[in-house]
């Protein structure tokens, strides 16, 4: 009897969001990245910790993707003068407030300053751009973001393509069959529109996202959730996570962050990857 062919491993990006939001997050992400437990991280460059915490990533250059976590809704965005609560940002996007004639230049300036802050300390463009609370998809923001990435880095294909590979964009939309209410809301805020704008402009996109949950999981529940995401994820999917070495005071999801870190740093996680036939990869062309 002939032996069956081995099942091909599917590549998945495991992205740790919120780098630099606090010390425990930055240290936890750097530790996981150095041991191959995550393959990307998104930086909150408006945080006062970004200029110092970026040093934790220097030895990981070329091993993981490092991206910009575009921010309109954190305390750092508020301190920078453009911050809004998430409900206020969603309402403004729905009413066209980010892309109106009066606001378009301001929106573009906010994005440009965050790209400048990223490059000033990473000394290279971001590998990708996503958004804190998925603001990269919001109407007005998405238009300005795509236009700015093309003008700043060039399109990724075509006769006049830049030699610099422009950042890819996260499309925050679950794969078919993995839709919950929270994911529906995130998707409805502009996933399809951002994908259309980006692909028409020659920018690369990731087309599916998992890792959305209520941050109310204990260790065993998070392990079950991750098992489900790994099994559901199509090749090239992003699974986002939010790990930290410890829960810091004032962090609304600090307990969940510590539980995520404990799981990802344990022997259980590599076993789950192997069982699901998943390899962690960088980018969408890895």
C-alpha atoms as a PDB file:
ATOM      1  CA  UNK A   1       0.000   0.000   0.000  1.00  0.00           C
ATOM      2  CA  UNK A   2       1.438   3.384  -0.976  1.00  0.00           C
ATOM      3  CA  UNK A   3       2.053   5.876   1.810  1.00  0.00           C
ATOM      4  CA  UNK A   4      -0.067   9.010   1.602  1.00  0.00           C
ATOM      5  CA  UNK A   5       1.709  12.256   0.746  1.00  0.00           C
ATOM      6  CA  UNK A   6       2.465  14.514   3.726  1.00  0.00           C
ATOM      7  CA  UNK A   7       0.019  17.356   4.280  1.00  0.00           C
ATOM      8  CA  UNK A   8       1.449  20.688   3.152  1.00  0.00           C
ATOM      9  CA  UNK A   9       2.008  23.234   5.891  1.00  0.00           C
ATOM     10  CA  UNK A  10      -0.012  26.417   5.464  1.00  0.00           C
ATOM     11  CA  UNK A  11       1.670  29.751   6.138  1.00  0.00           C
ATOM     12  CA  UNK A  12       0.014  32.116   8.624  1.00  0.00           C
ATOM     13  CA  UNK A  13       1.175  35.487   9.947  1.00  0.00           C
ATOM     14  CA  UNK A  14       0.885  35.717  13.727  1.00  0.00           C
ATOM     15  CA  UNK A  15       1.001  39.432  14.478  1.00  0.00           C
ATOM     16  CA  UNK A  16       1.459  40.874  17.965  1.00  0.00           C
ATOM     17  CA  UNK A  17      -0.295  44.249  18.035  1.00  0.00           C
ATOM     18  CA  UNK A  18       0.422  47.271  20.250  1.00  0.00           C
ATOM     19  CA  UNK A  19       4.221  47.180  20.492  1.00  0.00           C
ATOM     20  CA  UNK A  20       5.353  50.122  22.687  1.00  0.00           C
ATOM     21  CA  UNK A  21       1.985  50.615  24.362  1.00  0.00           C
ATOM     22  CA  UNK A  22       3.771  49.769  27.628  1.00  0.00           C
ATOM     23  CA  UNK A  23       6.972  48.112  28.803  1.00  0.00           C
ATOM     24  CA  UNK A  24       5.465  44.685  29.479  1.00  0.00           C
ATOM     25  CA  UNK A  25       3.945  44.536  26.017  1.00  0.00           C
ATOM     26  CA  UNK A  26       7.197  45.506  24.298  1.00  0.00           C
ATOM     27  CA  UNK A  27       9.294  43.045  26.281  1.00  0.00           C
ATOM     28  CA  UNK A  28       6.769  40.250  25.868  1.00  0.00           C
ATOM     29  CA  UNK A  29       6.533  40.700  22.112  1.00  0.00           C
ATOM     30  CA  UNK A  30      10.316  40.863  21.722  1.00  0.00           C
ATOM     31  CA  UNK A  31      10.721  37.631  23.705  1.00  0.00           C
ATOM     32  CA  UNK A  32       8.084  35.818  21.654  1.00  0.00           C
ATOM     33  CA  UNK A  33       9.571  37.076  18.392  1.00  0.00           C
ATOM     34  CA  UNK A  34      13.081  35.994  19.359  1.00  0.00           C
ATOM     35  CA  UNK A  35      11.830  32.465  20.007  1.00  0.00           C
ATOM     36  CA  UNK A  36       9.833  32.286  16.778  1.00  0.00           C
ATOM     37  CA  UNK A  37       6.430  32.428  18.448  1.00  0.00           C
ATOM     38  CA  UNK A  38       5.193  35.491  16.475  1.00  0.00           C
ATOM     39  CA  UNK A  39       6.155  36.601  12.966  1.00  0.00           C
ATOM     40  CA  UNK A  40       5.087  40.256  12.954  1.00  0.00           C
ATOM     41  CA  UNK A  41       4.496  43.149  15.314  1.00  0.00           C
ATOM     42  CA  UNK A  42       2.664  46.451  14.926  1.00  0.00           C
ATOM     43  CA  UNK A  43       4.168  49.528  16.594  1.00  0.00           C
ATOM     44  CA  UNK A  44       2.298  52.353  18.303  1.00  0.00           C
ATOM     45  CA  UNK A  45       4.713  55.116  17.371  1.00  0.00           C
ATOM     46  CA  UNK A  46       2.828  57.881  19.201  1.00  0.00           C
ATOM     47  CA  UNK A  47       3.736  56.209  22.485  1.00  0.00           C
ATOM     48  CA  UNK A  48       6.598  57.911  24.345  1.00  0.00           C
ATOM     49  CA  UNK A  49       8.106  54.436  24.730  1.00  0.00           C
ATOM     50  CA  UNK A  50       8.591  53.895  20.981  1.00  0.00           C
ATOM     51  CA  UNK A  51      12.000  55.647  20.700  1.00  0.00           C
ATOM     52  CA  UNK A  52      13.488  53.446  23.448  1.00  0.00           C
ATOM     53  CA  UNK A  53      11.536  50.208  23.019  1.00  0.00           C
ATOM     54  CA  UNK A  54      12.425  49.970  19.325  1.00  0.00           C
ATOM     55  CA  UNK A  55      15.885  48.812  20.456  1.00  0.00           C
ATOM     56  CA  UNK A  56      14.256  45.527  21.548  1.00  0.00           C
ATOM     57  CA  UNK A  57      13.526  44.812  17.883  1.00  0.00           C
ATOM     58  CA  UNK A  58      16.925  45.633  16.381  1.00  0.00           C
ATOM     59  CA  UNK A  59      18.293  42.095  16.630  1.00  0.00           C
ATOM     60  CA  UNK A  60      15.087  40.817  15.021  1.00  0.00           C
ATOM     61  CA  UNK A  61      15.419  42.884  11.849  1.00  0.00           C
ATOM     62  CA  UNK A  62      14.801  40.606   8.890  1.00  0.00           C
ATOM     63  CA  UNK A  63      13.323  37.873  11.086  1.00  0.00           C
ATOM     64  CA  UNK A  64       9.866  39.387  11.624  1.00  0.00           C
ATOM     65  CA  UNK A  65       7.738  42.011   9.907  1.00  0.00           C
ATOM     66  CA  UNK A  66       7.578  45.307  11.777  1.00  0.00           C
ATOM     67  CA  UNK A  67       4.649  47.520  10.868  1.00  0.00           C
ATOM     68  CA  UNK A  68       2.897  50.753  11.756  1.00  0.00           C
ATOM     69  CA  UNK A  69      -0.152  50.439  14.006  1.00  0.00           C
ATOM     70  CA  UNK A  70      -1.942  53.549  12.724  1.00  0.00           C
ATOM     71  CA  UNK A  71      -3.536  55.263  15.701  1.00  0.00           C
ATOM     72  CA  UNK A  72      -6.497  57.592  16.125  1.00  0.00           C
ATOM     73  CA  UNK A  73      -8.135  56.212  19.261  1.00  0.00           C
ATOM     74  CA  UNK A  74      -5.530  55.688  22.005  1.00  0.00           C
ATOM     75  CA  UNK A  75      -4.445  57.976  24.822  1.00  0.00           C
ATOM     76  CA  UNK A  76      -1.327  58.683  22.758  1.00  0.00           C
ATOM     77  CA  UNK A  77      -3.444  59.926  19.864  1.00  0.00           C
ATOM     78  CA  UNK A  78      -5.363  62.125  22.292  1.00  0.00           C
ATOM     79  CA  UNK A  79      -2.096  63.551  23.615  1.00  0.00           C
ATOM     80  CA  UNK A  80      -1.007  64.215  20.021  1.00  0.00           C
ATOM     81  CA  UNK A  81      -4.112  66.312  19.422  1.00  0.00           C
ATOM     82  CA  UNK A  82      -6.092  64.162  16.983  1.00  0.00           C
ATOM     83  CA  UNK A  83      -7.422  61.400  19.215  1.00  0.00           C
ATOM     84  CA  UNK A  84     -11.055  60.346  19.417  1.00  0.00           C
ATOM     85  CA  UNK A  85     -12.922  57.639  21.264  1.00  0.00           C
ATOM     86  CA  UNK A  86     -13.653  54.613  19.089  1.00  0.00           C
ATOM     87  CA  UNK A  87     -17.401  55.396  18.874  1.00  0.00           C
ATOM     88  CA  UNK A  88     -16.621  59.002  17.935  1.00  0.00           C
ATOM     89  CA  UNK A  89     -14.117  57.900  15.285  1.00  0.00           C
ATOM     90  CA  UNK A  90     -16.621  55.416  13.840  1.00  0.00           C
ATOM     91  CA  UNK A  91     -19.315  58.086  13.676  1.00  0.00           C
ATOM     92  CA  UNK A  92     -16.962  60.608  12.087  1.00  0.00           C
ATOM     93  CA  UNK A  93     -15.952  58.067   9.451  1.00  0.00           C
ATOM     94  CA  UNK A  94     -19.576  57.173   8.741  1.00  0.00           C
ATOM     95  CA  UNK A  95     -20.467  60.856   8.279  1.00  0.00           C
ATOM     96  CA  UNK A  96     -17.471  61.481   6.005  1.00  0.00           C
ATOM     97  CA  UNK A  97     -15.638  63.672   8.479  1.00  0.00           C
ATOM     98  CA  UNK A  98     -12.142  62.306   7.833  1.00  0.00           C
ATOM     99  CA  UNK A  99     -12.322  62.823   4.088  1.00  0.00           C
ATOM    100  CA  UNK A 100     -14.204  66.088   3.757  1.00  0.00           C
ATOM    101  CA  UNK A 101     -12.533  68.950   1.904  1.00  0.00           C
ATOM    102  CA  UNK A 102     -11.742  70.640   5.210  1.00  0.00           C
ATOM    103  CA  UNK A 103     -10.397  67.507   6.917  1.00  0.00           C
ATOM    104  CA  UNK A 104      -8.518  65.627   4.171  1.00  0.00           C
ATOM    105  CA  UNK A 105      -5.244  67.500   4.627  1.00  0.00           C
ATOM    106  CA  UNK A 106      -5.405  67.011   8.403  1.00  0.00           C
ATOM    107  CA  UNK A 107      -6.064  63.280   7.990  1.00  0.00           C
ATOM    108  CA  UNK A 108      -3.132  62.940   5.614  1.00  0.00           C
ATOM    109  CA  UNK A 109      -0.902  64.892   7.996  1.00  0.00           C
ATOM    110  CA  UNK A 110      -1.742  62.603  10.918  1.00  0.00           C
ATOM    111  CA  UNK A 111      -0.785  59.539   8.866  1.00  0.00           C
ATOM    112  CA  UNK A 112       2.383  61.171   7.541  1.00  0.00           C
ATOM    113  CA  UNK A 113       3.577  62.126  11.027  1.00  0.00           C
ATOM    114  CA  UNK A 114       3.167  58.534  12.197  1.00  0.00           C
ATOM    115  CA  UNK A 115       5.095  57.208   9.201  1.00  0.00           C
ATOM    116  CA  UNK A 116       7.809  59.788   9.946  1.00  0.00           C
ATOM    117  CA  UNK A 117       7.975  58.679  13.585  1.00  0.00           C
ATOM    118  CA  UNK A 118       8.210  55.041  12.540  1.00  0.00           C
ATOM    119  CA  UNK A 119      11.040  55.656  10.088  1.00  0.00           C
ATOM    120  CA  UNK A 120      12.919  58.005  12.411  1.00  0.00           C
ATOM    121  CA  UNK A 121      13.563  55.195  14.883  1.00  0.00           C
ATOM    122  CA  UNK A 122      13.325  52.019  12.783  1.00  0.00           C
ATOM    123  CA  UNK A 123      15.464  53.578  10.015  1.00  0.00           C
ATOM    124  CA  UNK A 124      13.372  51.897   7.331  1.00  0.00           C
ATOM    125  CA  UNK A 125       9.801  51.979   6.044  1.00  0.00           C
ATOM    126  CA  UNK A 126       7.251  49.761   7.768  1.00  0.00           C
ATOM    127  CA  UNK A 127       6.775  46.301   6.303  1.00  0.00           C
ATOM    128  CA  UNK A 128       3.026  46.852   6.533  1.00  0.00           C
ATOM    129  CA  UNK A 129       0.383  49.170   7.939  1.00  0.00           C
ATOM    130  CA  UNK A 130      -2.606  48.162  10.025  1.00  0.00           C
ATOM    131  CA  UNK A 131      -4.624  50.152  12.534  1.00  0.00           C
ATOM    132  CA  UNK A 132      -5.287  50.374  16.244  1.00  0.00           C
ATOM    133  CA  UNK A 133      -8.947  49.321  16.510  1.00  0.00           C
ATOM    134  CA  UNK A 134      -8.837  48.875  12.714  1.00  0.00           C
ATOM    135  CA  UNK A 135      -8.920  52.586  11.872  1.00  0.00           C
ATOM    136  CA  UNK A 136      -6.932  51.940   8.679  1.00  0.00           C
ATOM    137  CA  UNK A 137     -10.248  50.868   7.119  1.00  0.00           C
ATOM    138  CA  UNK A 138     -12.332  53.895   8.107  1.00  0.00           C
ATOM    139  CA  UNK A 139     -13.751  56.075   5.347  1.00  0.00           C
ATOM    140  CA  UNK A 140     -11.491  59.070   4.690  1.00  0.00           C
ATOM    141  CA  UNK A 141      -8.572  57.501   6.545  1.00  0.00           C
ATOM    142  CA  UNK A 142      -8.303  54.609   4.076  1.00  0.00           C
ATOM    143  CA  UNK A 143      -8.315  56.948   1.078  1.00  0.00           C
ATOM    144  CA  UNK A 144      -5.589  59.165   2.504  1.00  0.00           C
ATOM    145  CA  UNK A 145      -3.542  56.142   3.607  1.00  0.00           C
ATOM    146  CA  UNK A 146      -3.520  54.480   0.190  1.00  0.00           C
ATOM    147  CA  UNK A 147      -2.705  57.747  -1.589  1.00  0.00           C
ATOM    148  CA  UNK A 148       0.111  58.491   0.829  1.00  0.00           C
ATOM    149  CA  UNK A 149       1.663  55.019   0.639  1.00  0.00           C
ATOM    150  CA  UNK A 150       1.742  55.215  -3.152  1.00  0.00           C
ATOM    151  CA  UNK A 151       3.180  58.733  -3.230  1.00  0.00           C
ATOM    152  CA  UNK A 152       5.721  57.968  -0.513  1.00  0.00           C
ATOM    153  CA  UNK A 153       6.869  54.482  -1.532  1.00  0.00           C
ATOM    154  CA  UNK A 154       5.530  53.912  -5.039  1.00  0.00           C
ATOM    155  CA  UNK A 155       3.209  51.212  -6.286  1.00  0.00           C
ATOM    156  CA  UNK A 156       4.284  47.588  -6.002  1.00  0.00           C
ATOM    157  CA  UNK A 157       3.835  46.607  -9.641  1.00  0.00           C
ATOM    158  CA  UNK A 158       3.620  48.056 -13.123  1.00  0.00           C
ATOM    159  CA  UNK A 159       6.125  49.820 -15.393  1.00  0.00           C
ATOM    160  CA  UNK A 160       7.037  52.581 -12.961  1.00  0.00           C
ATOM    161  CA  UNK A 161       7.211  50.496  -9.814  1.00  0.00           C
ATOM    162  CA  UNK A 162       9.546  51.645  -7.065  1.00  0.00           C
ATOM    163  CA  UNK A 163      12.513  49.506  -6.074  1.00  0.00           C
ATOM    164  CA  UNK A 164      11.327  49.885  -2.492  1.00  0.00           C
ATOM    165  CA  UNK A 165       8.666  47.319  -1.704  1.00  0.00           C
ATOM    166  CA  UNK A 166       5.780  49.424  -0.380  1.00  0.00           C
ATOM    167  CA  UNK A 167       4.124  48.331   2.848  1.00  0.00           C
ATOM    168  CA  UNK A 168       1.340  45.816   2.580  1.00  0.00           C
ATOM    169  CA  UNK A 169      -2.028  46.551   4.177  1.00  0.00           C
ATOM    170  CA  UNK A 170      -4.038  44.520   6.660  1.00  0.00           C
ATOM    171  CA  UNK A 171      -7.633  43.944   5.616  1.00  0.00           C
ATOM    172  CA  UNK A 172      -9.547  43.317   8.840  1.00  0.00           C
ATOM    173  CA  UNK A 173     -12.108  40.786   7.672  1.00  0.00           C
ATOM    174  CA  UNK A 174     -12.585  37.203   8.885  1.00  0.00           C
ATOM    175  CA  UNK A 175     -12.350  34.320   6.444  1.00  0.00           C
ATOM    176  CA  UNK A 176     -15.562  32.724   5.260  1.00  0.00           C
ATOM    177  CA  UNK A 177     -17.267  30.719   7.975  1.00  0.00           C
ATOM    178  CA  UNK A 178     -15.589  32.509  10.888  1.00  0.00           C
ATOM    179  CA  UNK A 179     -17.887  35.492  11.314  1.00  0.00           C
ATOM    180  CA  UNK A 180     -19.023  36.753  14.734  1.00  0.00           C
ATOM    181  CA  UNK A 181     -20.775  40.017  15.620  1.00  0.00           C
ATOM    182  CA  UNK A 182     -17.593  41.896  16.531  1.00  0.00           C
ATOM    183  CA  UNK A 183     -15.930  40.796  13.289  1.00  0.00           C
ATOM    184  CA  UNK A 184     -19.003  41.864  11.306  1.00  0.00           C
ATOM    185  CA  UNK A 185     -18.767  45.367  12.738  1.00  0.00           C
ATOM    186  CA  UNK A 186     -15.036  45.582  12.027  1.00  0.00           C
ATOM    187  CA  UNK A 187     -15.586  44.364   8.457  1.00  0.00           C
ATOM    188  CA  UNK A 188     -18.443  46.791   7.878  1.00  0.00           C
ATOM    189  CA  UNK A 189     -16.203  49.752   8.697  1.00  0.00           C
ATOM    190  CA  UNK A 190     -14.488  49.442   5.332  1.00  0.00           C
ATOM    191  CA  UNK A 191     -12.709  46.138   4.689  1.00  0.00           C
ATOM    192  CA  UNK A 192     -13.944  45.749   1.111  1.00  0.00           C
ATOM    193  CA  UNK A 193     -13.444  49.427   0.304  1.00  0.00           C
ATOM    194  CA  UNK A 194      -9.843  49.417   1.559  1.00  0.00           C
ATOM    195  CA  UNK A 195      -9.068  46.232  -0.343  1.00  0.00           C
ATOM    196  CA  UNK A 196     -10.442  47.745  -3.566  1.00  0.00           C
ATOM    197  CA  UNK A 197      -8.536  51.011  -3.153  1.00  0.00           C
ATOM    198  CA  UNK A 198      -5.278  49.241  -2.316  1.00  0.00           C
ATOM    199  CA  UNK A 199      -5.362  46.667  -5.098  1.00  0.00           C
ATOM    200  CA  UNK A 200      -6.307  49.274  -7.689  1.00  0.00           C
ATOM    201  CA  UNK A 201      -3.299  51.308  -6.518  1.00  0.00           C
ATOM    202  CA  UNK A 202      -0.956  48.306  -6.856  1.00  0.00           C
ATOM    203  CA  UNK A 203      -0.489  47.753  -3.125  1.00  0.00           C
ATOM    204  CA  UNK A 204      -0.379  44.295  -1.574  1.00  0.00           C
ATOM    205  CA  UNK A 205      -3.022  43.287   0.938  1.00  0.00           C
ATOM    206  CA  UNK A 206      -3.733  40.452   3.316  1.00  0.00           C
ATOM    207  CA  UNK A 207      -7.308  39.426   2.798  1.00  0.00           C
ATOM    208  CA  UNK A 208      -8.346  37.795   6.064  1.00  0.00           C
ATOM    209  CA  UNK A 209      -7.925  38.338   9.801  1.00  0.00           C
ATOM    210  CA  UNK A 210      -8.556  36.142  12.820  1.00  0.00           C
ATOM    211  CA  UNK A 211      -7.878  36.677  16.519  1.00  0.00           C
ATOM    212  CA  UNK A 212     -10.941  38.807  17.281  1.00  0.00           C
ATOM    213  CA  UNK A 213     -12.483  37.990  20.655  1.00  0.00           C
ATOM    214  CA  UNK A 214     -13.835  39.699  23.778  1.00  0.00           C
ATOM    215  CA  UNK A 215     -10.558  39.642  25.800  1.00  0.00           C
ATOM    216  CA  UNK A 216     -12.433  37.748  28.510  1.00  0.00           C
ATOM    217  CA  UNK A 217     -10.644  34.435  28.068  1.00  0.00           C
ATOM    218  CA  UNK A 218      -8.806  32.501  30.732  1.00  0.00           C
ATOM    219  CA  UNK A 219      -5.824  30.383  29.714  1.00  0.00           C
ATOM    220  CA  UNK A 220      -7.754  27.250  28.650  1.00  0.00           C
ATOM    221  CA  UNK A 221     -10.335  29.265  26.679  1.00  0.00           C
ATOM    222  CA  UNK A 222      -7.638  31.207  24.856  1.00  0.00           C
ATOM    223  CA  UNK A 223      -5.957  27.933  23.920  1.00  0.00           C
ATOM    224  CA  UNK A 224      -9.272  26.675  22.498  1.00  0.00           C
ATOM    225  CA  UNK A 225      -9.762  29.922  20.578  1.00  0.00           C
ATOM    226  CA  UNK A 226      -6.266  29.678  19.118  1.00  0.00           C
ATOM    227  CA  UNK A 227      -6.858  26.060  18.103  1.00  0.00           C
ATOM    228  CA  UNK A 228      -9.945  27.217  16.219  1.00  0.00           C
ATOM    229  CA  UNK A 229      -8.145  30.110  14.524  1.00  0.00           C
ATOM    230  CA  UNK A 230      -5.233  27.935  13.444  1.00  0.00           C
ATOM    231  CA  UNK A 231      -7.564  25.339  11.964  1.00  0.00           C
ATOM    232  CA  UNK A 232      -9.797  27.938  10.270  1.00  0.00           C
ATOM    233  CA  UNK A 233      -7.080  30.220   8.924  1.00  0.00           C
ATOM    234  CA  UNK A 234      -6.494  30.053   5.175  1.00  0.00           C
ATOM    235  CA  UNK A 235      -2.928  30.337   3.930  1.00  0.00           C
ATOM    236  CA  UNK A 236      -1.730  33.942   4.156  1.00  0.00           C
ATOM    237  CA  UNK A 237      -4.195  34.854   6.907  1.00  0.00           C
ATOM    238  CA  UNK A 238      -3.193  37.124   9.787  1.00  0.00           C
ATOM    239  CA  UNK A 239      -4.004  36.022  13.318  1.00  0.00           C
ATOM    240  CA  UNK A 240      -3.622  39.006  15.612  1.00  0.00           C
ATOM    241  CA  UNK A 241      -2.674  38.712  19.274  1.00  0.00           C
ATOM    242  CA  UNK A 242      -1.973  41.157  22.105  1.00  0.00           C
ATOM    243  CA  UNK A 243       0.587  39.597  24.461  1.00  0.00           C
ATOM    244  CA  UNK A 244       2.436  41.138  27.415  1.00  0.00           C
ATOM    245  CA  UNK A 245       4.766  39.650  30.003  1.00  0.00           C
ATOM    246  CA  UNK A 246       2.528  40.954  32.792  1.00  0.00           C
ATOM    247  CA  UNK A 247      -0.637  42.979  33.280  1.00  0.00           C
ATOM    248  CA  UNK A 248       0.288  46.619  33.838  1.00  0.00           C
ATOM    249  CA  UNK A 249      -1.856  48.928  35.936  1.00  0.00           C
ATOM    250  CA  UNK A 250      -4.243  50.974  33.856  1.00  0.00           C
ATOM    251  CA  UNK A 251      -4.226  48.581  30.900  1.00  0.00           C
ATOM    252  CA  UNK A 252      -7.859  47.670  30.225  1.00  0.00           C
ATOM    253  CA  UNK A 253      -6.904  44.348  28.617  1.00  0.00           C
ATOM    254  CA  UNK A 254      -3.796  43.728  30.726  1.00  0.00           C
ATOM    255  CA  UNK A 255      -5.008  40.440  32.204  1.00  0.00           C
ATOM    256  CA  UNK A 256      -5.858  39.083  28.760  1.00  0.00           C
ATOM    257  CA  UNK A 257      -2.458  40.198  27.461  1.00  0.00           C
ATOM    258  CA  UNK A 258      -0.660  38.258  30.224  1.00  0.00           C
ATOM    259  CA  UNK A 259      -2.738  35.144  29.538  1.00  0.00           C
ATOM    260  CA  UNK A 260      -1.991  35.351  25.815  1.00  0.00           C
ATOM    261  CA  UNK A 261       1.724  35.649  26.521  1.00  0.00           C
ATOM    262  CA  UNK A 262       1.693  32.678  28.897  1.00  0.00           C
ATOM    263  CA  UNK A 263       0.046  30.523  26.240  1.00  0.00           C
ATOM    264  CA  UNK A 264       2.229  31.641  23.326  1.00  0.00           C
ATOM    265  CA  UNK A 265       5.380  31.186  25.433  1.00  0.00           C
ATOM    266  CA  UNK A 266       4.384  27.679  26.516  1.00  0.00           C
ATOM    267  CA  UNK A 267       5.054  24.278  24.971  1.00  0.00           C
ATOM    268  CA  UNK A 268       1.354  24.008  24.157  1.00  0.00           C
ATOM    269  CA  UNK A 269       1.543  26.554  21.332  1.00  0.00           C
ATOM    270  CA  UNK A 270       4.159  24.807  19.119  1.00  0.00           C
ATOM    271  CA  UNK A 271       2.174  21.597  19.560  1.00  0.00           C
ATOM    272  CA  UNK A 272      -0.965  23.405  18.388  1.00  0.00           C
ATOM    273  CA  UNK A 273       0.883  24.732  15.334  1.00  0.00           C
ATOM    274  CA  UNK A 274       2.079  21.251  14.441  1.00  0.00           C
ATOM    275  CA  UNK A 275      -1.361  19.721  14.919  1.00  0.00           C
ATOM    276  CA  UNK A 276      -2.948  22.367  12.665  1.00  0.00           C
ATOM    277  CA  UNK A 277      -0.148  22.005  10.075  1.00  0.00           C
ATOM    278  CA  UNK A 278       0.673  25.724  10.358  1.00  0.00           C
ATOM    279  CA  UNK A 279       4.017  27.461   9.892  1.00  0.00           C
ATOM    280  CA  UNK A 280       4.435  31.067  10.952  1.00  0.00           C
ATOM    281  CA  UNK A 281       5.569  33.300   8.105  1.00  0.00           C
ATOM    282  CA  UNK A 282       6.437  36.890   7.308  1.00  0.00           C
ATOM    283  CA  UNK A 283       4.407  38.969   4.907  1.00  0.00           C
ATOM    284  CA  UNK A 284       2.110  37.710   2.175  1.00  0.00           C
ATOM    285  CA  UNK A 285       4.887  36.640  -0.187  1.00  0.00           C
ATOM    286  CA  UNK A 286       6.850  34.460   2.262  1.00  0.00           C
END
